[in-house]
Amino acid sequence: MPKIAVVLKGWPRLSETFVAQELLGLERCGFDLAIVSLRHPTDPAVHDLHEAVRAPVRYLPEYLEDEPARVAAAVRAATLLPGYPLALRRYLADYRRDPTENRVRRFGQACVLATEQEPDTELLYAHFLHTPASVARYAALMRDLPFAVSAHAKDIWTTPAWDKAEKLAEARFCATCTEAGARHLQALAPPGRVHLVHHGVDPRRFAPPAERPPRDGSDPGDPVRLLTIARAVPKKGLFLLLDALAGLPPGLHWQLEHVGGGPLLPELVARVRSLGLGRRVSFAGPQPAARVREAYARADLFVLPVRVAEDGDRDGLPNVVVEAAACGLPVLSTHAASVAELVKDGVNGRLVPPDDPKALAAALAELLVSPELRQAYGRTARGDAVVGFDSRRGIERIAGLLDAALGEGNSYAGAAASERGREPR
């Protein structure tokens, strides 16, 4: 099989199990992959999926000043590549619209990628439409290679329209994981370029426990167990969740477990103390997949009140929502993001308006006292996840797109023709 260089922002990352799941699936389909990471890992552990991926990993200079000799040598070598003049023109046009240090770093990293990649590489495939796709695009132009991209959430909603449109015009394909994301990108792309491919889960790895006790919140010794798994960032709505919990009737007994890291975690812990919830909320931190599955098994209800952050960042369909549903858990979330592509209000879970702690508290109160309703929702959620979100189908779709991209020949001639047909804006 031709070698594919997979460009990632970071590897491995506990919060991006969908990437590891896809790469492992592609390897099992026979693809020869090499991972290129823009950043070194920072998580304290890795998932079993990461350990199973066999692709070699190379780390680019995270900041150009960290490895000046390596970057300088790469830039000198890159100037001798056939597509370097075209890549430089693309970069300069982008820099005029985005004159940032990050843009400079992307081009420098692309020079390193283009000059250090394996000589038998035939395609560059980036996960995320912002930084990784920029690096892959510039490097592909330098090496006269095609590139492709998968888009997810923040990269879709916080990247300028001009940047997305130009990458989509040159990419062999763009796969994206939600209907809302697909509609948005299809409006910016040539016909047939953007494909909806849900990540999904492996229903054999995520399955319900044999039984869940019918807890109804009346027993202080056996409270209803709530679970949320999320990075502590604004779009996850975790502060709203704490406010809603603080507003519940005092006679309802519950415990919340939070799994995940994130920059706002210290503030989240402080909010728990200020609300007087310290005995009811626990923080497990980032956890590997085995511990995450244990958390799903002991939970009664999964809660994630996603929202649109002030900078426009928002979720797609969070993978933890699909995992929770596959584990037979009812999901309480909001109408923000693309959660409704799986969770149907009053059918397999509950959806409330975003940024509304009172509505969230009301739904929590209803579900805490109703174990029969939770179990009914959970059974339906499991069936919906297995039928509509089996990861194996998504991996087969990506494999087919990669096969087609590899069969289309090189991209340099088309990019050069495009260059002749327009002036940089």
Protein backbone atom coordinates (compact mmCIF):
# COMPACT_ATOMS: atom_id res chain seq x y z
CA MET A 1 0.00 0.00 0.00
CA PRO A 2 1.18 3.58 -0.62
CA LYS A 3 2.37 5.36 2.51
CA ILE A 4 0.14 8.03 3.99
CA ALA A 5 1.53 10.69 6.33
CA VAL A 6 -1.15 11.55 8.92
CA VAL A 7 -0.66 15.08 10.26
CA LEU A 8 -2.01 15.65 13.78
CA LYS A 9 -1.88 18.54 16.21
CA GLY A 10 -0.80 16.20 19.00
CA TRP A 11 -0.22 12.48 19.51
CA PRO A 12 -1.30 10.72 21.60
CA ARG A 13 -4.17 12.65 23.19
CA LEU A 14 -6.65 11.16 25.65
CA SER A 15 -9.40 13.51 24.44
CA GLU A 16 -9.07 12.36 20.81
CA THR A 17 -9.90 8.67 20.96
CA PHE A 18 -11.68 9.02 17.62
CA VAL A 19 -8.35 9.69 15.92
CA ALA A 20 -6.69 6.62 17.43
CA GLN A 21 -9.77 4.52 16.62
CA GLU A 22 -9.64 5.59 12.97
CA LEU A 23 -5.90 5.09 12.55
CA LEU A 24 -6.02 1.64 14.10
CA GLY A 25 -8.92 0.73 11.83
CA LEU A 26 -7.08 1.98 8.75
CA GLU A 27 -4.01 -0.05 9.68
CA ARG A 28 -6.21 -3.12 9.97
CA CYS A 29 -7.53 -2.31 6.48
CA GLY A 30 -3.94 -2.54 5.24
CA PHE A 31 -2.93 1.13 5.01
CA ASP A 32 0.71 2.01 5.64
CA LEU A 33 0.63 5.06 7.91
CA ALA A 34 3.22 7.38 9.38
CA ILE A 35 2.13 9.85 12.09
CA VAL A 36 3.44 13.42 12.09
CA SER A 37 2.61 15.38 15.24
CA LEU A 38 2.90 19.15 15.62
CA ARG A 39 3.09 18.86 19.39
CA HIS A 40 4.54 16.50 21.96
CA PRO A 41 2.17 14.61 24.29
CA THR A 42 1.19 16.13 27.62
CA ASP A 43 -1.41 13.68 28.96
CA PRO A 44 -0.40 11.48 31.91
CA ALA A 45 -1.59 8.26 30.24
CA VAL A 46 -2.60 6.80 26.89
CA HIS A 47 -5.52 4.71 25.73
CA ASP A 48 -5.18 1.08 24.72
CA LEU A 49 -6.07 2.20 21.18
CA HIS A 50 -2.97 4.41 21.07
CA GLU A 51 -0.79 1.51 22.15
CA ALA A 52 -2.25 -0.70 19.42
CA VAL A 53 -1.41 1.72 16.57
CA ARG A 54 1.86 0.62 14.94
CA ALA A 55 2.60 3.64 12.74
CA PRO A 56 5.93 5.35 13.42
CA VAL A 57 5.65 8.81 14.97
CA ARG A 58 7.73 11.89 14.14
CA TYR A 59 7.41 15.18 16.05
CA LEU A 60 7.90 18.47 14.23
CA PRO A 61 9.42 21.45 16.06
CA GLU A 62 6.60 22.62 18.30
CA TYR A 63 8.02 26.15 18.13
CA LEU A 64 10.51 27.10 15.45
CA GLU A 65 12.89 28.67 17.96
CA ASP A 66 13.10 25.34 19.82
CA GLU A 67 15.12 23.71 17.00
CA PRO A 68 16.59 26.54 14.91
CA ALA A 69 19.23 24.42 13.16
CA ARG A 70 16.68 21.80 12.12
CA VAL A 71 14.28 24.46 10.83
CA ALA A 72 17.00 26.39 8.96
CA ALA A 73 18.21 23.21 7.23
CA ALA A 74 14.65 22.32 6.28
CA VAL A 75 13.94 25.73 4.80
CA ARG A 76 17.12 25.58 2.70
CA ALA A 77 16.25 22.09 1.45
CA ALA A 78 12.61 23.03 0.83
CA THR A 79 13.58 25.79 -1.58
CA LEU A 80 14.94 23.11 -3.92
CA LEU A 81 11.64 21.20 -4.06
CA PRO A 82 9.60 21.56 -7.26
CA GLY A 83 6.51 22.98 -5.62
CA TYR A 84 8.21 25.36 -3.21
CA PRO A 85 7.52 28.55 -5.25
CA LEU A 86 3.80 27.72 -5.38
CA ALA A 87 3.71 26.85 -1.66
CA LEU A 88 5.50 30.12 -0.85
CA ARG A 89 2.97 32.13 -2.88
CA ARG A 90 0.10 30.39 -1.06
CA TYR A 91 1.74 31.10 2.28
CA LEU A 92 2.39 34.78 1.52
CA ALA A 93 -1.21 35.26 0.39
CA ASP A 94 -2.40 33.64 3.62
CA TYR A 95 0.00 35.71 5.73
CA ARG A 96 -1.34 38.98 4.30
CA ARG A 97 -4.76 38.02 5.66
CA ASP A 98 -3.45 36.35 8.82
CA PRO A 99 -0.18 38.06 9.82
CA THR A 100 0.39 36.00 12.97
CA GLU A 101 3.24 34.08 14.52
CA ASN A 102 1.13 30.96 14.24
CA ARG A 103 0.96 31.34 10.45
CA VAL A 104 4.76 31.64 10.26
CA ARG A 105 5.13 28.55 12.43
CA ARG A 106 2.85 26.56 10.14
CA PHE A 107 5.02 27.30 7.12
CA GLY A 108 8.22 26.47 8.99
CA GLN A 109 6.75 23.18 10.20
CA ALA A 110 5.65 22.44 6.64
CA CYS A 111 9.22 22.88 5.43
CA VAL A 112 10.39 20.34 8.03
CA LEU A 113 7.60 17.93 7.10
CA ALA A 114 8.25 18.23 3.35
CA THR A 115 12.00 17.63 3.65
CA GLU A 116 11.96 14.92 6.32
CA GLN A 117 9.01 12.77 5.26
CA GLU A 118 9.50 9.25 3.98
CA PRO A 119 10.34 9.24 0.24
CA ASP A 120 7.56 6.78 -0.56
CA THR A 121 4.83 9.03 0.90
CA GLU A 122 2.00 9.46 -1.60
CA LEU A 123 -0.63 11.39 0.39
CA LEU A 124 -0.77 13.78 3.34
CA TYR A 125 -3.90 13.42 5.46
CA ALA A 126 -4.59 15.97 8.20
CA HIS A 127 -6.95 15.65 11.12
CA PHE A 128 -8.45 19.10 11.83
CA LEU A 129 -9.01 21.85 9.30
CA HIS A 130 -7.03 24.58 11.03
CA THR A 131 -3.33 24.22 11.91
CA PRO A 132 -2.71 20.59 10.83
CA ALA A 133 -4.40 21.16 7.46
CA SER A 134 -2.32 24.30 6.85
CA VAL A 135 0.91 22.42 7.51
CA ALA A 136 -0.20 19.49 5.35
CA ARG A 137 -1.33 21.79 2.52
CA TYR A 138 1.94 23.73 2.32
CA ALA A 139 4.04 20.56 2.55
CA ALA A 140 1.94 18.79 -0.08
CA LEU A 141 2.43 21.68 -2.49
CA MET A 142 6.19 21.61 -1.89
CA ARG A 143 6.39 17.86 -2.56
CA ASP A 144 3.87 17.76 -5.43
CA LEU A 145 1.57 15.48 -3.42
CA PRO A 146 -2.17 15.40 -2.79
CA PHE A 147 -3.59 16.10 0.62
CA ALA A 148 -6.89 15.36 2.36
CA VAL A 149 -8.44 16.43 5.64
CA SER A 150 -10.92 15.46 8.34
CA ALA A 151 -12.73 18.33 10.07
CA HIS A 152 -14.37 18.08 13.48
CA ALA A 153 -15.57 20.95 15.70
CA LYS A 154 -13.48 23.94 16.83
CA ASP A 155 -11.52 23.81 13.58
CA ILE A 156 -14.74 24.25 11.59
CA TRP A 157 -16.30 27.03 13.61
CA THR A 158 -13.28 29.21 14.45
CA THR A 159 -11.33 29.09 11.15
CA PRO A 160 -11.93 32.04 8.76
CA ALA A 161 -14.16 31.27 5.79
CA TRP A 162 -11.47 32.20 3.25
CA ASP A 163 -9.04 29.74 4.85
CA LYS A 164 -11.56 26.91 4.86
CA ALA A 165 -12.68 27.57 1.28
CA GLU A 166 -9.16 27.54 -0.14
CA LYS A 167 -8.16 24.37 1.67
CA LEU A 168 -11.35 22.64 0.57
CA ALA A 169 -10.72 23.70 -3.03
CA GLU A 170 -7.33 21.95 -3.02
CA ALA A 171 -8.01 18.94 -0.78
CA ARG A 172 -8.85 15.61 -2.39
CA PHE A 173 -11.64 15.20 0.14
CA CYS A 174 -12.85 16.51 3.48
CA ALA A 175 -14.56 14.12 5.88
CA THR A 176 -16.52 15.65 8.73
CA CYS A 177 -18.42 14.06 11.57
CA THR A 178 -21.69 15.99 11.96
CA GLU A 179 -24.54 17.02 9.69
CA ALA A 180 -24.22 20.68 10.74
CA GLY A 181 -20.50 20.68 9.98
CA ALA A 182 -21.07 18.99 6.64
CA ARG A 183 -23.69 21.54 5.56
CA HIS A 184 -21.45 24.43 6.56
CA LEU A 185 -18.39 23.11 4.71
CA GLN A 186 -20.33 21.97 1.65
CA ALA A 187 -21.42 25.58 1.14
CA LEU A 188 -17.73 26.56 0.91
CA ALA A 189 -16.43 23.62 -1.15
CA PRO A 190 -16.66 22.28 -4.70
CA PRO A 191 -19.51 19.79 -5.18
CA GLY A 192 -18.78 16.33 -3.86
CA ARG A 193 -15.71 17.40 -1.88
CA VAL A 194 -17.17 17.19 1.67
CA HIS A 195 -18.43 13.90 3.09
CA LEU A 196 -20.37 13.20 6.29
CA VAL A 197 -18.68 10.38 8.19
CA HIS A 198 -19.67 9.83 11.82
CA HIS A 199 -16.87 8.64 14.09
CA GLY A 200 -19.06 6.24 16.01
CA VAL A 201 -17.93 3.69 18.56
CA ASP A 202 -17.11 0.01 18.61
CA PRO A 203 -20.17 -1.53 20.33
CA ARG A 204 -18.01 -4.42 21.48
CA ARG A 205 -15.80 -2.06 23.51
CA PHE A 206 -18.66 0.03 24.88
CA ALA A 207 -21.54 -2.05 26.21
CA PRO A 208 -23.99 -1.82 29.15
CA PRO A 209 -23.31 -3.59 32.45
CA ALA A 210 -25.42 -6.61 33.35
CA GLU A 211 -27.73 -4.38 35.40
CA ARG A 212 -28.02 -0.94 36.97
CA PRO A 213 -29.65 -0.57 40.41
CA PRO A 214 -32.94 1.41 40.33
CA ARG A 215 -31.65 4.36 42.32
CA ASP A 216 -34.22 7.15 42.77
CA GLY A 217 -32.37 9.74 44.82
CA SER A 218 -34.18 8.96 48.07
CA ASP A 219 -31.37 7.03 49.79
CA PRO A 220 -28.43 9.13 51.03
CA GLY A 221 -26.41 5.93 51.30
CA ASP A 222 -27.01 5.00 47.64
CA PRO A 223 -27.25 8.23 45.62
CA VAL A 224 -27.92 8.46 41.90
CA ARG A 225 -24.58 8.43 40.09
CA LEU A 226 -24.09 11.16 37.52
CA LEU A 227 -21.18 11.17 35.10
CA THR A 228 -19.69 13.85 32.88
CA ILE A 229 -16.59 13.36 30.72
CA ALA A 230 -15.19 16.52 29.22
CA ARG A 231 -12.20 18.82 29.07
CA ALA A 232 -12.75 21.82 31.30
CA VAL A 233 -13.25 24.38 28.53
CA PRO A 234 -16.10 26.87 28.04
CA LYS A 235 -18.00 24.97 25.33
CA LYS A 236 -18.63 21.95 27.59
CA GLY A 237 -20.98 23.85 29.94
CA LEU A 238 -19.53 22.38 33.12
CA PHE A 239 -20.07 25.52 35.19
CA LEU A 240 -23.72 25.51 34.12
CA LEU A 241 -23.96 21.91 35.28
CA LEU A 242 -22.65 22.84 38.74
CA ASP A 243 -25.12 25.74 38.98
CA ALA A 244 -27.97 23.42 38.02
CA LEU A 245 -26.92 20.83 40.60
CA ALA A 246 -26.76 23.51 43.29
CA GLY A 247 -30.37 24.38 42.48
CA LEU A 248 -31.75 20.85 43.03
CA PRO A 249 -34.02 20.15 46.02
CA PRO A 250 -31.95 19.27 49.10
CA GLY A 251 -33.80 15.97 49.58
CA LEU A 252 -32.46 14.54 46.31
CA HIS A 253 -29.31 12.47 46.77
CA TRP A 254 -26.77 12.30 43.95
CA GLN A 255 -23.05 12.11 43.23
CA LEU A 256 -21.29 13.59 40.20
CA GLU A 257 -18.04 12.20 38.80
CA HIS A 258 -16.07 14.34 36.36
CA VAL A 259 -13.46 12.70 34.13
CA GLY A 260 -11.08 14.89 32.15
CA GLY A 261 -8.48 17.62 32.36
CA GLY A 262 -8.47 21.04 30.76
CA PRO A 263 -7.33 24.59 31.51
CA LEU A 264 -10.42 25.55 33.55
CA LEU A 265 -10.22 22.59 35.91
CA PRO A 266 -8.88 24.65 38.89
CA GLU A 267 -11.74 27.12 38.45
CA LEU A 268 -14.20 24.24 38.27
CA VAL A 269 -12.90 22.83 41.54
CA ALA A 270 -13.17 26.27 43.14
CA ARG A 271 -16.78 26.63 41.93
CA VAL A 272 -17.64 23.30 43.55
CA ARG A 273 -16.31 24.60 46.87
CA SER A 274 -18.09 27.94 46.58
CA LEU A 275 -21.41 26.21 45.89
CA GLY A 276 -20.98 23.86 48.85
CA LEU A 277 -20.96 20.74 46.63
CA GLY A 278 -17.59 19.40 47.73
CA ARG A 279 -18.90 16.15 49.17
CA ARG A 280 -21.02 15.41 46.13
CA VAL A 281 -18.61 16.09 43.24
CA SER A 282 -15.40 14.18 42.53
CA PHE A 283 -12.72 14.88 39.94
CA ALA A 284 -10.97 11.86 38.46
CA GLY A 285 -8.77 13.79 36.01
CA PRO A 286 -7.82 12.41 32.58
CA GLN A 287 -8.23 8.62 32.43
CA PRO A 288 -7.33 5.84 29.96
CA ALA A 289 -10.08 4.00 28.12
CA ALA A 290 -10.37 1.10 30.58
CA ARG A 291 -11.09 3.48 33.47
CA VAL A 292 -13.51 5.45 31.30
CA ARG A 293 -15.48 2.30 30.53
CA GLU A 294 -15.61 1.52 34.26
CA ALA A 295 -17.02 5.00 34.87
CA TYR A 296 -19.77 4.41 32.30
CA ALA A 297 -20.62 1.08 33.92
CA ARG A 298 -21.14 2.51 37.42
CA ALA A 299 -23.08 5.59 36.27
CA ASP A 300 -26.86 6.00 36.10
CA LEU A 301 -27.02 9.15 33.94
CA PHE A 302 -24.60 10.92 31.61
CA VAL A 303 -24.75 14.74 31.61
CA LEU A 304 -23.00 17.14 29.23
CA PRO A 305 -24.70 20.57 28.80
CA VAL A 306 -22.71 21.74 25.76
CA ARG A 307 -22.91 25.35 24.61
CA VAL A 308 -21.44 27.77 22.08
CA ALA A 309 -18.46 29.52 23.66
CA GLU A 310 -17.92 33.26 23.46
CA ASP A 311 -15.25 32.84 20.73
CA GLY A 312 -17.61 30.74 18.59
CA ASP A 313 -16.08 27.40 19.56
CA ARG A 314 -18.61 24.60 19.86
CA ASP A 315 -18.78 20.84 19.88
CA GLY A 316 -19.83 18.57 17.08
CA LEU A 317 -21.37 15.35 18.33
CA PRO A 318 -19.10 14.62 21.32
CA ASN A 319 -17.72 11.11 21.18
CA VAL A 320 -18.45 10.64 24.87
CA VAL A 321 -22.15 11.10 24.12
CA VAL A 322 -22.01 8.23 21.62
CA GLU A 323 -19.97 6.11 24.04
CA ALA A 324 -22.41 6.75 26.88
CA ALA A 325 -25.36 5.82 24.68
CA ALA A 326 -23.61 2.63 23.57
CA CYS A 327 -23.13 1.80 27.26
CA GLY A 328 -26.88 2.02 27.78
CA LEU A 329 -26.84 5.35 29.59
CA PRO A 330 -29.49 8.00 29.09
CA VAL A 331 -27.91 11.30 28.05
CA LEU A 332 -28.94 14.73 29.30
CA SER A 333 -27.54 17.47 27.08
CA THR A 334 -28.62 20.59 25.17
CA HIS A 335 -29.75 21.62 21.71
CA ALA A 336 -26.35 23.20 21.06
CA ALA A 337 -23.79 21.50 18.84
CA SER A 338 -24.94 18.34 17.03
CA VAL A 339 -26.02 16.21 20.00
CA ALA A 340 -29.51 15.91 18.49
CA GLU A 341 -28.09 13.77 15.68
CA LEU A 342 -28.13 10.95 18.25
CA VAL A 343 -30.04 12.11 21.33
CA LYS A 344 -33.79 12.55 20.77
CA ASP A 345 -35.56 14.45 23.53
CA GLY A 346 -38.01 12.21 25.35
CA VAL A 347 -36.98 9.15 23.32
CA ASN A 348 -33.47 8.11 24.35
CA GLY A 349 -32.53 11.02 26.59
CA ARG A 350 -33.28 14.66 27.29
CA LEU A 351 -32.25 17.88 25.56
CA VAL A 352 -32.73 21.32 27.09
CA PRO A 353 -31.90 24.82 25.86
CA PRO A 354 -28.21 25.75 26.20
CA ASP A 355 -27.09 28.26 28.83
CA ASP A 356 -30.24 27.61 30.91
CA PRO A 357 -29.34 26.18 34.35
CA LYS A 358 -32.99 26.21 35.48
CA ALA A 359 -34.11 24.03 32.57
CA LEU A 360 -31.12 21.77 33.16
CA ALA A 361 -32.01 21.48 36.87
CA ALA A 362 -35.61 20.61 36.04
CA ALA A 363 -34.53 17.81 33.68
CA LEU A 364 -32.05 16.54 36.25
CA ALA A 365 -34.74 16.45 38.93
CA GLU A 366 -37.06 14.50 36.64
CA LEU A 367 -34.43 11.91 35.74
CA LEU A 368 -32.99 11.53 39.25
CA VAL A 369 -36.28 10.28 40.67
CA SER A 370 -37.22 8.11 37.65
CA PRO A 371 -35.04 4.97 37.36
CA GLU A 372 -37.58 3.31 35.06
CA LEU A 373 -37.46 6.28 32.69
CA ARG A 374 -33.67 6.32 32.76
CA GLN A 375 -33.52 2.62 31.97
CA ALA A 376 -36.01 2.95 29.10
CA TYR A 377 -34.04 5.82 27.61
CA GLY A 378 -30.81 3.88 28.07
CA ARG A 379 -32.08 0.80 26.24
CA THR A 380 -33.21 2.92 23.30
CA ALA A 381 -29.94 4.87 23.32
CA ARG A 382 -27.92 1.66 23.11
CA GLY A 383 -29.91 0.46 20.10
CA ASP A 384 -29.62 3.82 18.34
CA ALA A 385 -25.86 3.96 18.89
CA VAL A 386 -25.30 0.42 17.65
CA VAL A 387 -27.47 0.85 14.55
CA GLY A 388 -26.43 4.34 13.48
CA PHE A 389 -22.98 4.92 14.93
CA ASP A 390 -20.93 1.76 14.53
CA SER A 391 -17.34 2.96 14.03
CA ARG A 392 -16.54 0.19 11.58
CA ARG A 393 -18.79 1.73 8.94
CA GLY A 394 -17.12 5.11 9.34
CA ILE A 395 -13.65 3.60 9.00
CA GLU A 396 -14.74 1.80 5.83
CA ARG A 397 -15.92 5.14 4.42
CA ILE A 398 -12.60 6.83 5.21
CA ALA A 399 -10.72 3.90 3.68
CA GLY A 400 -12.71 4.28 0.47
CA LEU A 401 -12.05 8.02 0.33
CA LEU A 402 -8.33 7.46 0.83
CA ASP A 403 -8.26 4.82 -1.88
CA ALA A 404 -9.96 7.22 -4.29
CA ALA A 405 -7.61 10.07 -3.35
CA LEU A 406 -4.55 7.90 -3.94
CA GLY A 407 -5.88 6.90 -7.34
CA GLU A 408 -6.25 10.44 -8.71
CA GLY A 409 -2.60 11.21 -9.45
CA ASN A 410 -0.65 14.22 -8.19
CA SER A 411 -2.06 17.59 -7.21
CA TYR A 412 0.65 20.01 -8.35
CA ALA A 413 -0.63 20.50 -11.90
CA GLY A 414 -4.14 21.28 -10.68
CA ALA A 415 -2.88 23.64 -8.01
CA ALA A 416 -0.67 25.43 -10.54
CA ALA A 417 -3.58 25.81 -12.93
CA SER A 418 -5.68 27.21 -10.09
CA GLU A 419 -2.85 29.64 -9.31
CA ARG A 420 -2.87 30.94 -12.85
CA GLY A 421 -6.60 31.44 -12.74
CA ARG A 422 -6.77 33.75 -9.73
CA GLU A 423 -4.84 36.38 -7.86
CA PRO A 424 -4.38 36.10 -4.08
CA ARG A 425 -6.96 38.15 -2.19
